[in-house]
Structures are given as C-alpha cells and as structure tokens.
Amino acid sequence: MAGKDVPLESVPVPVRATIDRETAGGVIDEIELDTSKDGETVYEVEFHLDGVKYEIEVAADGTLLKRSLD
C-alpha cells in the first residue's frame, strides 16, 4: 500500500500533537497519508532518533496505532 507524502504542516492538529510527542528529539524523514485495511485514514511517519530509524502509525484522531523499528 503506497501512501501520499504530506508535509507536517498539513496534518490535523491531533495527529500533529501525537507526531510531535512521539518524535521528540528526532528528525522526521517522511509522513505518508494512507488507508488501513479497514478503510481508516492512517498517517505513517518515519523518523530517526540517535541513529535509530523508527516508524509510527497515527490514526486521524491522533491515536497512536503502532510504533516500531524501521
């Protein structure tokens, strides 16, 4: 499933709050707007912190769905 790249400035406020909290101290590499298997809007964020790459998935309401090493 390939998503559409979006800038941080265009994500909804609840999503941005979660992204800011989860990536604190890190550098965001990419944010993709995608659709889950259930048809829900999901933001997939790739970032690196202290030389380690991570990925998080955030629902449109700001709920953190997943955090993993990338």
N, C-alpha and C. Protein backbone atom coordinates (compact mmCIF):
# COMPACT_ATOMS: atom_id res chain seq x y z
N MET A 1 0.83 -1.18 0.00
CA MET A 1 0.00 0.00 0.00
C MET A 1 0.88 1.24 0.00
N ALA A 2 0.93 1.97 -1.06
CA ALA A 2 1.74 3.18 -1.11
C ALA A 2 0.85 4.37 -0.79
N GLY A 3 1.34 5.22 0.12
CA GLY A 3 0.58 6.38 0.51
C GLY A 3 1.06 7.63 -0.21
N LYS A 4 0.43 8.73 0.13
CA LYS A 4 0.76 10.02 -0.46
C LYS A 4 1.58 10.81 0.56
N ASP A 5 2.74 11.31 0.14
CA ASP A 5 3.57 12.13 1.02
C ASP A 5 2.85 13.42 1.37
N VAL A 6 2.90 13.78 2.66
CA VAL A 6 2.28 15.03 3.11
C VAL A 6 3.25 15.76 4.03
N PRO A 7 3.22 17.10 4.01
CA PRO A 7 4.06 17.86 4.93
C PRO A 7 3.44 17.88 6.33
N LEU A 8 4.28 18.01 7.33
CA LEU A 8 3.82 18.05 8.72
C LEU A 8 2.77 19.15 8.93
N GLU A 9 2.94 20.25 8.24
CA GLU A 9 2.02 21.39 8.41
C GLU A 9 0.59 21.08 7.97
N SER A 10 0.40 20.05 7.16
CA SER A 10 -0.94 19.77 6.63
C SER A 10 -1.68 18.67 7.38
N VAL A 11 -1.05 18.06 8.39
CA VAL A 11 -1.75 17.01 9.12
C VAL A 11 -2.68 17.64 10.16
N PRO A 12 -3.78 16.96 10.51
CA PRO A 12 -4.70 17.51 11.51
C PRO A 12 -4.02 17.74 12.86
N VAL A 13 -4.53 18.69 13.62
CA VAL A 13 -3.94 19.06 14.91
C VAL A 13 -3.74 17.86 15.85
N PRO A 14 -4.72 16.96 16.02
CA PRO A 14 -4.50 15.81 16.93
C PRO A 14 -3.37 14.89 16.44
N VAL A 15 -3.26 14.74 15.13
CA VAL A 15 -2.20 13.90 14.56
C VAL A 15 -0.85 14.57 14.78
N ARG A 16 -0.79 15.85 14.57
CA ARG A 16 0.47 16.58 14.76
C ARG A 16 0.92 16.51 16.22
N ALA A 17 -0.01 16.61 17.15
CA ALA A 17 0.34 16.53 18.58
C ALA A 17 0.99 15.19 18.90
N THR A 18 0.43 14.10 18.35
CA THR A 18 0.99 12.77 18.57
C THR A 18 2.35 12.64 17.90
N ILE A 19 2.47 13.12 16.68
CA ILE A 19 3.75 13.07 15.98
C ILE A 19 4.81 13.84 16.76
N ASP A 20 4.46 15.05 17.21
CA ASP A 20 5.42 15.86 17.97
C ASP A 20 5.86 15.14 19.24
N ARG A 21 4.92 14.53 19.94
CA ARG A 21 5.23 13.82 21.19
C ARG A 21 6.11 12.59 20.92
N GLU A 22 5.75 11.80 19.92
CA GLU A 22 6.45 10.54 19.67
C GLU A 22 7.82 10.72 19.02
N THR A 23 8.00 11.82 18.29
CA THR A 23 9.28 12.03 17.59
C THR A 23 10.16 13.05 18.30
N ALA A 24 9.81 13.45 19.51
CA ALA A 24 10.56 14.48 20.23
C ALA A 24 12.05 14.15 20.27
N GLY A 25 12.85 15.10 19.82
CA GLY A 25 14.29 14.90 19.79
C GLY A 25 14.80 14.21 18.54
N GLY A 26 13.88 13.75 17.70
CA GLY A 26 14.26 13.05 16.47
C GLY A 26 14.06 13.93 15.25
N VAL A 27 14.35 13.37 14.09
CA VAL A 27 14.19 14.08 12.83
C VAL A 27 13.23 13.26 11.95
N ILE A 28 12.17 13.92 11.50
CA ILE A 28 11.18 13.25 10.66
C ILE A 28 11.72 13.14 9.24
N ASP A 29 11.70 11.92 8.70
CA ASP A 29 12.16 11.68 7.34
C ASP A 29 11.01 11.75 6.34
N GLU A 30 9.84 11.24 6.75
CA GLU A 30 8.73 11.15 5.80
C GLU A 30 7.42 10.96 6.55
N ILE A 31 6.36 11.58 6.03
CA ILE A 31 5.00 11.36 6.52
C ILE A 31 4.17 10.98 5.31
N GLU A 32 3.47 9.84 5.41
CA GLU A 32 2.60 9.38 4.33
C GLU A 32 1.17 9.28 4.84
N LEU A 33 0.25 9.75 4.03
CA LEU A 33 -1.18 9.60 4.29
C LEU A 33 -1.60 8.34 3.57
N ASP A 34 -2.19 7.41 4.31
CA ASP A 34 -2.54 6.12 3.74
C ASP A 34 -3.91 5.69 4.25
N THR A 35 -4.39 4.58 3.76
CA THR A 35 -5.65 4.00 4.21
C THR A 35 -5.39 2.60 4.72
N SER A 36 -5.91 2.29 5.92
CA SER A 36 -5.72 0.97 6.51
C SER A 36 -6.58 -0.06 5.80
N LYS A 37 -6.39 -1.33 6.16
CA LYS A 37 -7.20 -2.41 5.60
C LYS A 37 -8.68 -2.22 5.90
N ASP A 38 -8.97 -1.51 7.01
CA ASP A 38 -10.35 -1.26 7.42
C ASP A 38 -10.94 0.00 6.79
N GLY A 39 -10.15 0.65 5.93
CA GLY A 39 -10.62 1.86 5.27
C GLY A 39 -10.42 3.12 6.08
N GLU A 40 -9.70 3.05 7.19
CA GLU A 40 -9.45 4.21 8.04
C GLU A 40 -8.24 4.99 7.55
N THR A 41 -8.26 6.29 7.75
CA THR A 41 -7.12 7.14 7.40
C THR A 41 -6.01 6.94 8.42
N VAL A 42 -4.79 6.74 7.93
CA VAL A 42 -3.63 6.50 8.79
C VAL A 42 -2.47 7.34 8.28
N TYR A 43 -1.75 7.93 9.22
CA TYR A 43 -0.53 8.66 8.91
C TYR A 43 0.65 7.80 9.32
N GLU A 44 1.51 7.46 8.37
CA GLU A 44 2.71 6.67 8.65
C GLU A 44 3.90 7.62 8.67
N VAL A 45 4.61 7.63 9.78
CA VAL A 45 5.71 8.58 9.97
C VAL A 45 7.00 7.81 10.18
N GLU A 46 7.99 8.10 9.35
CA GLU A 46 9.33 7.54 9.51
C GLU A 46 10.22 8.63 10.06
N PHE A 47 10.97 8.29 11.12
CA PHE A 47 11.88 9.28 11.70
C PHE A 47 13.08 8.56 12.29
N HIS A 48 14.13 9.33 12.56
CA HIS A 48 15.29 8.74 13.20
C HIS A 48 15.65 9.53 14.45
N LEU A 49 16.12 8.80 15.44
CA LEU A 49 16.48 9.35 16.73
C LEU A 49 17.71 8.62 17.23
N ASP A 50 18.77 9.36 17.51
CA ASP A 50 20.02 8.77 17.99
C ASP A 50 20.54 7.66 17.07
N GLY A 51 20.41 7.87 15.76
CA GLY A 51 20.93 6.92 14.78
C GLY A 51 20.05 5.70 14.54
N VAL A 52 18.88 5.65 15.18
CA VAL A 52 17.97 4.53 15.02
C VAL A 52 16.73 5.01 14.25
N LYS A 53 16.30 4.22 13.24
CA LYS A 53 15.11 4.57 12.46
C LYS A 53 13.87 3.93 13.07
N TYR A 54 12.82 4.71 13.18
CA TYR A 54 11.55 4.26 13.73
C TYR A 54 10.43 4.56 12.75
N GLU A 55 9.32 3.87 12.95
CA GLU A 55 8.10 4.17 12.21
C GLU A 55 6.94 4.16 13.19
N ILE A 56 6.07 5.16 13.07
CA ILE A 56 4.84 5.15 13.85
C ILE A 56 3.67 5.27 12.90
N GLU A 57 2.52 4.78 13.35
CA GLU A 57 1.28 4.95 12.61
C GLU A 57 0.31 5.66 13.54
N VAL A 58 -0.32 6.71 13.02
CA VAL A 58 -1.22 7.53 13.82
C VAL A 58 -2.56 7.62 13.10
N ALA A 59 -3.64 7.37 13.84
CA ALA A 59 -4.98 7.48 13.28
C ALA A 59 -5.34 8.96 13.11
N ALA A 60 -6.36 9.24 12.32
CA ALA A 60 -6.77 10.61 12.04
C ALA A 60 -7.20 11.36 13.29
N ASP A 61 -7.58 10.63 14.35
CA ASP A 61 -7.98 11.29 15.60
C ASP A 61 -6.80 11.49 16.55
N GLY A 62 -5.59 11.11 16.11
CA GLY A 62 -4.40 11.30 16.92
C GLY A 62 -3.99 10.09 17.74
N THR A 63 -4.74 9.00 17.65
CA THR A 63 -4.41 7.79 18.39
C THR A 63 -3.17 7.13 17.81
N LEU A 64 -2.20 6.82 18.67
CA LEU A 64 -1.00 6.09 18.23
C LEU A 64 -1.40 4.63 18.01
N LEU A 65 -1.25 4.15 16.78
CA LEU A 65 -1.65 2.78 16.45
C LEU A 65 -0.48 1.80 16.52
N LYS A 66 0.73 2.29 16.19
CA LYS A 66 1.88 1.40 16.13
C LYS A 66 3.16 2.21 16.26
N ARG A 67 4.14 1.62 16.92
CA ARG A 67 5.50 2.19 16.97
C ARG A 67 6.45 1.02 16.80
N SER A 68 7.35 1.12 15.84
CA SER A 68 8.28 0.02 15.61
C SER A 68 9.60 0.54 15.06
N LEU A 69 10.61 -0.31 15.13
CA LEU A 69 11.88 -0.01 14.47
C LEU A 69 11.66 -0.18 12.98
N ASP A 70 12.26 0.69 12.21
CA ASP A 70 12.06 0.62 10.76
C ASP A 70 13.23 -0.09 10.12
